[in-house]
Amino acid sequence: MNSIMEAQNVYYSYPGTQTKALNGLTIRVPEGKKTAICGHNGSGKSTFFLHAIGIQRPAEGAVLWKGKLMSYRRDDLRQLRQHVGLVFQDPEQQLILSTPREDVSYGLRNARIPEYEITKRTDLLLMSMGLEHLADTPIHHLSLGQKKRVALAGVLLLEPELLLLDEPTAYLDRLSERQLIEELDQSHNNGITIVMATHDMNLAYAWADWILVMDHGRCLLEGTPDEVFKQEDLILSLGLELPMLAEVWSNLPESVRMEKAPPRSMAEFKKRMKKQ
């Protein structure tokens, strides 16, 4: 399995504190997969993301992009950020202009793309994400879910190879969450490697191809959802919850499970139960 981004034995502490935000972190992001990074606040998920786009730099260890050591020269970082996009948990940190149309197009305008190309690409993306009716609405009139989707659109317009999302579904209602996940799945189908940091074990289990579990600045588990959540004792010892479907499935009689991989959605679960 090829890695698109790696951290190798990375240590990092925020200025003014002795606590290690990353404590010998070794982690691999598989290329072409949908990866979920799970862990509590303070586990190092956001700090890893900031290292992945070069905002923070390891005190020890190294970060690799496509197998090569990350360069921190200004021009090299600018080029890296054309390939790696980060969507922050709080869209207010990312939305800087007055309307979705202005904000989404900002990255291309900053890259000095011709104006006709900016207009074409911006309008097409807003339409594909169902945001065209909000294009000229003042940002402060949008709901949280709409703001998160606009922030995502601004990153997607730059056509990254790797998309990082920090708690993208936090505080969203079910409809807004479903819309966001559908847009992420479409982006993945278009060839983008996606990494989502999340507290939501049910979402991670249902959505991800690959799971990474972090705690106190280290990666303690990695594998498929089935492989990771079979480690029930370790997951619970970290104060994390087991996904509901995985827990229900593990408690069914063995004659029902019959060595099959657990269902990853409620629809699949219901379908299997009807066959019993």
Protein backbone atom coordinates (compact mmCIF):
# COMPACT_ATOMS: atom_id res chain seq x y z
CA MET A 1 0.00 0.00 0.00
CA ASN A 2 1.56 3.29 -1.14
CA SER A 3 1.67 6.21 1.29
CA ILE A 4 1.00 9.72 0.04
CA MET A 5 1.95 11.39 3.34
CA GLU A 6 3.98 10.08 6.28
CA ALA A 7 5.24 11.21 9.65
CA GLN A 8 8.34 9.43 10.92
CA ASN A 9 9.03 9.59 14.66
CA VAL A 10 7.84 13.20 14.87
CA TYR A 11 8.05 15.17 18.13
CA TYR A 12 6.49 18.59 18.59
CA SER A 13 5.53 20.80 21.55
CA TYR A 14 3.66 24.08 21.31
CA PRO A 15 5.62 27.13 22.48
CA GLY A 16 5.34 27.73 26.21
CA THR A 17 4.45 24.15 27.12
CA GLN A 18 6.44 21.04 27.96
CA THR A 19 3.64 18.71 26.86
CA LYS A 20 4.40 16.88 23.63
CA ALA A 21 1.55 17.39 21.15
CA LEU A 22 3.26 14.82 18.93
CA ASN A 23 5.24 12.23 20.85
CA GLY A 24 7.21 10.12 18.39
CA LEU A 25 4.35 10.03 15.89
CA THR A 26 4.79 7.54 13.09
CA ILE A 27 1.83 7.47 10.75
CA ARG A 28 1.09 6.63 7.11
CA VAL A 29 -1.70 8.00 4.96
CA PRO A 30 -2.48 5.45 2.22
CA GLU A 31 -2.82 6.93 -1.25
CA GLY A 32 -6.24 6.71 -2.86
CA LYS A 33 -8.08 5.71 0.32
CA LYS A 34 -10.65 7.35 2.57
CA THR A 35 -8.90 7.48 5.94
CA ALA A 36 -10.37 8.40 9.31
CA ILE A 37 -8.10 9.52 12.16
CA CYS A 38 -9.83 8.87 15.49
CA GLY A 39 -8.92 10.15 18.92
CA HIS A 40 -9.90 12.56 21.65
CA ASN A 41 -9.07 16.26 21.78
CA GLY A 42 -5.36 16.52 22.52
CA SER A 43 -4.51 13.26 20.77
CA GLY A 44 -2.56 15.15 18.08
CA LYS A 45 -4.89 14.93 15.08
CA SER A 46 -5.00 18.65 14.31
CA THR A 47 -1.29 19.05 15.04
CA PHE A 48 -0.49 16.32 12.52
CA PHE A 49 -2.60 18.14 9.92
CA LEU A 50 -0.69 21.38 10.53
CA HIS A 51 2.56 19.47 10.02
CA ALA A 52 1.15 17.92 6.84
CA ILE A 53 0.82 21.35 5.19
CA GLY A 54 4.01 22.77 6.67
CA ILE A 55 2.45 25.31 9.04
CA GLN A 56 4.27 23.56 11.88
CA ARG A 57 7.67 21.90 11.66
CA PRO A 58 8.89 18.88 13.69
CA ALA A 59 11.28 19.46 16.57
CA GLU A 60 12.51 15.94 15.80
CA GLY A 61 11.64 13.45 13.10
CA ALA A 62 10.43 14.07 9.56
CA VAL A 63 7.35 14.49 7.41
CA LEU A 64 7.37 12.97 3.92
CA TRP A 65 5.24 13.90 0.92
CA LYS A 66 5.14 11.12 -1.68
CA GLY A 67 8.24 9.53 -0.18
CA LYS A 68 10.35 12.70 -0.14
CA LEU A 69 11.30 14.81 2.85
CA MET A 70 9.16 17.91 3.13
CA SER A 71 11.00 21.11 2.24
CA TYR A 72 10.22 24.24 4.27
CA ARG A 73 11.46 26.73 1.72
CA ARG A 74 8.72 29.27 0.97
CA ASP A 75 8.38 28.35 -2.70
CA ASP A 76 8.32 24.64 -1.91
CA LEU A 77 5.61 25.09 0.72
CA ARG A 78 3.55 27.15 -1.71
CA GLN A 79 3.81 24.33 -4.23
CA LEU A 80 2.95 21.69 -1.58
CA ARG A 81 -0.22 23.57 -0.66
CA GLN A 82 -1.38 23.38 -4.24
CA HIS A 83 -1.48 19.59 -3.76
CA VAL A 84 -2.54 19.31 -0.11
CA GLY A 85 -5.68 21.09 1.10
CA LEU A 86 -6.83 21.50 4.70
CA VAL A 87 -10.38 22.31 5.79
CA PHE A 88 -10.42 23.56 9.38
CA GLN A 89 -13.01 22.49 11.95
CA ASP A 90 -14.26 26.07 12.34
CA PRO A 91 -15.12 27.51 8.90
CA GLU A 92 -14.83 31.03 10.34
CA GLN A 93 -11.05 30.46 10.35
CA GLN A 94 -11.14 29.84 6.61
CA LEU A 95 -13.81 32.11 5.15
CA ILE A 96 -12.31 35.56 4.73
CA LEU A 97 -14.37 37.30 2.03
CA SER A 98 -17.96 38.52 1.83
CA THR A 99 -19.78 35.90 -0.27
CA PRO A 100 -19.30 32.23 -1.23
CA ARG A 101 -18.46 33.18 -4.82
CA GLU A 102 -15.72 35.58 -3.70
CA ASP A 103 -14.33 33.23 -1.10
CA VAL A 104 -14.31 30.08 -3.21
CA SER A 105 -12.54 31.85 -6.07
CA TYR A 106 -9.93 33.48 -3.83
CA GLY A 107 -7.36 30.69 -4.11
CA LEU A 108 -7.38 30.73 -7.92
CA ARG A 109 -7.25 34.53 -8.00
CA ASN A 110 -4.30 34.47 -5.61
CA ALA A 111 -2.60 32.02 -8.01
CA ARG A 112 -3.13 34.56 -10.82
CA ILE A 113 -5.30 32.28 -12.91
CA PRO A 114 -6.99 34.16 -15.81
CA GLU A 115 -10.29 35.70 -14.75
CA TYR A 116 -12.40 33.85 -17.32
CA GLU A 117 -10.99 30.54 -16.05
CA ILE A 118 -11.69 31.52 -12.45
CA THR A 119 -15.31 32.38 -13.27
CA LYS A 120 -15.83 29.15 -15.22
CA ARG A 121 -14.35 26.86 -12.59
CA THR A 122 -16.00 28.63 -9.66
CA ASP A 123 -19.47 28.57 -11.21
CA LEU A 124 -19.10 24.91 -12.19
CA LEU A 125 -18.02 23.84 -8.71
CA LEU A 126 -20.72 25.85 -6.93
CA MET A 127 -23.29 24.24 -9.21
CA SER A 128 -21.96 20.72 -8.70
CA MET A 129 -22.09 21.19 -4.92
CA GLY A 130 -25.59 22.70 -5.00
CA LEU A 131 -24.34 26.05 -3.70
CA GLU A 132 -25.11 28.22 -6.74
CA HIS A 133 -28.23 29.69 -5.11
CA LEU A 134 -26.06 30.88 -2.22
CA ALA A 135 -23.21 32.22 -4.36
CA ASP A 136 -23.88 35.89 -3.64
CA THR A 137 -25.39 35.55 -0.16
CA PRO A 138 -23.42 37.28 2.61
CA ILE A 139 -21.29 34.67 4.41
CA HIS A 140 -22.67 35.69 7.81
CA HIS A 141 -26.18 34.75 6.65
CA LEU A 142 -25.19 31.11 6.01
CA SER A 143 -25.80 28.20 8.38
CA LEU A 144 -22.86 26.33 9.89
CA GLY A 145 -23.37 23.46 7.45
CA GLN A 146 -23.42 25.84 4.49
CA LYS A 147 -20.25 27.57 5.73
CA LYS A 148 -18.47 24.21 6.04
CA ARG A 149 -19.45 23.30 2.48
CA VAL A 150 -18.25 26.68 1.18
CA ALA A 151 -14.92 26.18 2.97
CA LEU A 152 -14.67 22.72 1.38
CA ALA A 153 -15.50 24.18 -2.04
CA GLY A 154 -12.71 26.72 -1.71
CA VAL A 155 -10.20 23.93 -1.14
CA LEU A 156 -11.62 21.61 -3.82
CA LEU A 157 -11.43 24.34 -6.46
CA LEU A 158 -7.63 24.13 -6.20
CA GLU A 159 -7.88 20.43 -7.16
CA PRO A 160 -5.71 18.94 -4.38
CA GLU A 161 -4.37 15.41 -4.47
CA LEU A 162 -4.75 15.08 -0.69
CA LEU A 163 -7.67 16.59 1.24
CA LEU A 164 -7.46 16.88 5.04
CA LEU A 165 -10.59 17.65 7.08
CA ASP A 166 -10.58 18.45 10.78
CA GLU A 167 -13.86 17.31 12.41
CA PRO A 168 -15.87 18.22 9.29
CA THR A 169 -19.22 16.99 10.64
CA ALA A 170 -18.95 18.50 14.13
CA TYR A 171 -22.17 20.30 15.19
CA LEU A 172 -23.93 19.54 11.91
CA ASP A 173 -27.50 18.28 11.67
CA ARG A 174 -28.10 14.99 9.86
CA LEU A 175 -29.05 16.59 6.54
CA SER A 176 -25.97 18.83 6.47
CA GLU A 177 -23.76 15.89 7.46
CA ARG A 178 -25.21 13.73 4.68
CA GLN A 179 -24.67 16.48 2.09
CA LEU A 180 -21.07 16.92 3.20
CA ILE A 181 -20.31 13.19 3.13
CA GLU A 182 -21.83 12.88 -0.35
CA GLU A 183 -19.55 15.67 -1.56
CA LEU A 184 -16.52 14.00 0.01
CA ASP A 185 -17.41 10.68 -1.62
CA GLN A 186 -17.74 12.41 -5.00
CA SER A 187 -14.33 14.03 -4.52
CA HIS A 188 -12.85 10.64 -3.65
CA ASN A 189 -14.42 9.15 -6.77
CA ASN A 190 -12.64 11.91 -8.71
CA GLY A 191 -9.30 10.62 -7.45
CA ILE A 192 -8.65 12.66 -4.30
CA THR A 193 -7.15 10.95 -1.24
CA ILE A 194 -9.19 12.06 1.78
CA VAL A 195 -8.29 12.08 5.48
CA MET A 196 -10.90 12.98 8.09
CA ALA A 197 -10.14 13.60 11.76
CA THR A 198 -13.25 12.71 13.74
CA HIS A 199 -14.62 11.86 17.18
CA ASP A 200 -17.55 10.05 15.58
CA MET A 201 -16.79 6.33 15.67
CA ASN A 202 -20.00 5.47 13.83
CA LEU A 203 -19.06 7.80 10.96
CA ALA A 204 -15.48 6.53 10.84
CA TYR A 205 -16.67 2.91 10.76
CA ALA A 206 -19.24 3.48 8.02
CA TRP A 207 -17.22 5.84 5.82
CA ALA A 208 -13.52 5.01 5.96
CA ASP A 209 -11.45 2.45 4.10
CA TRP A 210 -8.62 2.82 6.63
CA ILE A 211 -8.61 3.82 10.30
CA LEU A 212 -5.82 5.42 12.33
CA VAL A 213 -6.24 5.75 16.10
CA MET A 214 -4.18 8.42 17.88
CA ASP A 215 -3.63 9.04 21.58
CA HIS A 216 -1.25 11.48 23.30
CA GLY A 217 0.59 12.29 20.09
CA ARG A 218 1.13 8.73 18.91
CA CYS A 219 -0.59 6.36 16.51
CA LEU A 220 -1.62 3.25 18.42
CA LEU A 221 -3.70 1.40 15.84
CA GLU A 222 -4.08 1.26 12.08
CA GLY A 223 -6.01 -0.99 9.75
CA THR A 224 -9.37 -1.56 8.12
CA PRO A 225 -12.45 -0.64 10.17
CA ASP A 226 -13.05 -4.30 10.94
CA GLU A 227 -9.44 -4.88 12.04
CA VAL A 228 -9.28 -1.78 14.23
CA PHE A 229 -12.62 -2.11 15.99
CA LYS A 230 -12.01 -5.78 16.78
CA GLN A 231 -9.48 -4.41 19.30
CA GLU A 232 -12.37 -3.67 21.65
CA ASP A 233 -10.40 -3.59 24.89
CA LEU A 234 -7.85 -1.13 23.55
CA ILE A 235 -10.50 1.11 21.98
CA LEU A 236 -12.44 1.26 25.24
CA SER A 237 -9.27 1.79 27.32
CA LEU A 238 -8.64 4.96 25.28
CA GLY A 239 -12.06 6.28 26.26
CA LEU A 240 -13.44 5.82 22.75
CA GLU A 241 -16.73 4.20 21.89
CA LEU A 242 -17.24 1.18 19.69
CA PRO A 243 -19.31 1.81 16.55
CA MET A 244 -22.89 0.77 17.22
CA LEU A 245 -23.10 -1.63 14.27
CA ALA A 246 -19.80 -3.30 15.09
CA GLU A 247 -20.85 -3.78 18.71
CA VAL A 248 -24.28 -5.15 17.80
CA TRP A 249 -22.75 -7.50 15.22
CA SER A 250 -20.13 -8.84 17.62
CA ASN A 251 -22.87 -9.76 20.11
CA LEU A 252 -24.99 -11.73 17.65
CA PRO A 253 -24.80 -15.53 17.73
CA GLU A 254 -21.94 -16.96 15.72
CA SER A 255 -24.45 -18.84 13.58
CA VAL A 256 -25.75 -15.47 12.37
CA ARG A 257 -22.35 -13.91 11.76
CA MET A 258 -20.91 -16.99 10.03
CA GLU A 259 -17.40 -15.49 9.62
CA LYS A 260 -18.72 -12.67 7.49
CA ALA A 261 -17.29 -9.15 7.67
CA PRO A 262 -19.55 -6.92 9.80
CA PRO A 263 -22.03 -4.70 7.94
CA ARG A 264 -20.90 -1.10 7.56
CA SER A 265 -24.33 0.52 7.21
CA MET A 266 -27.77 0.11 8.73
CA ALA A 267 -29.19 -0.72 5.30
CA GLU A 268 -26.71 -3.58 4.92
CA PHE A 269 -27.44 -4.78 8.45
CA LYS A 270 -31.19 -4.90 7.78
CA LYS A 271 -30.61 -6.72 4.51
CA ARG A 272 -28.56 -9.42 6.21
CA MET A 273 -31.08 -9.83 9.02
CA LYS A 274 -33.87 -10.42 6.51
CA LYS A 275 -31.91 -13.34 5.10
CA GLN A 276 -31.75 -15.12 8.46
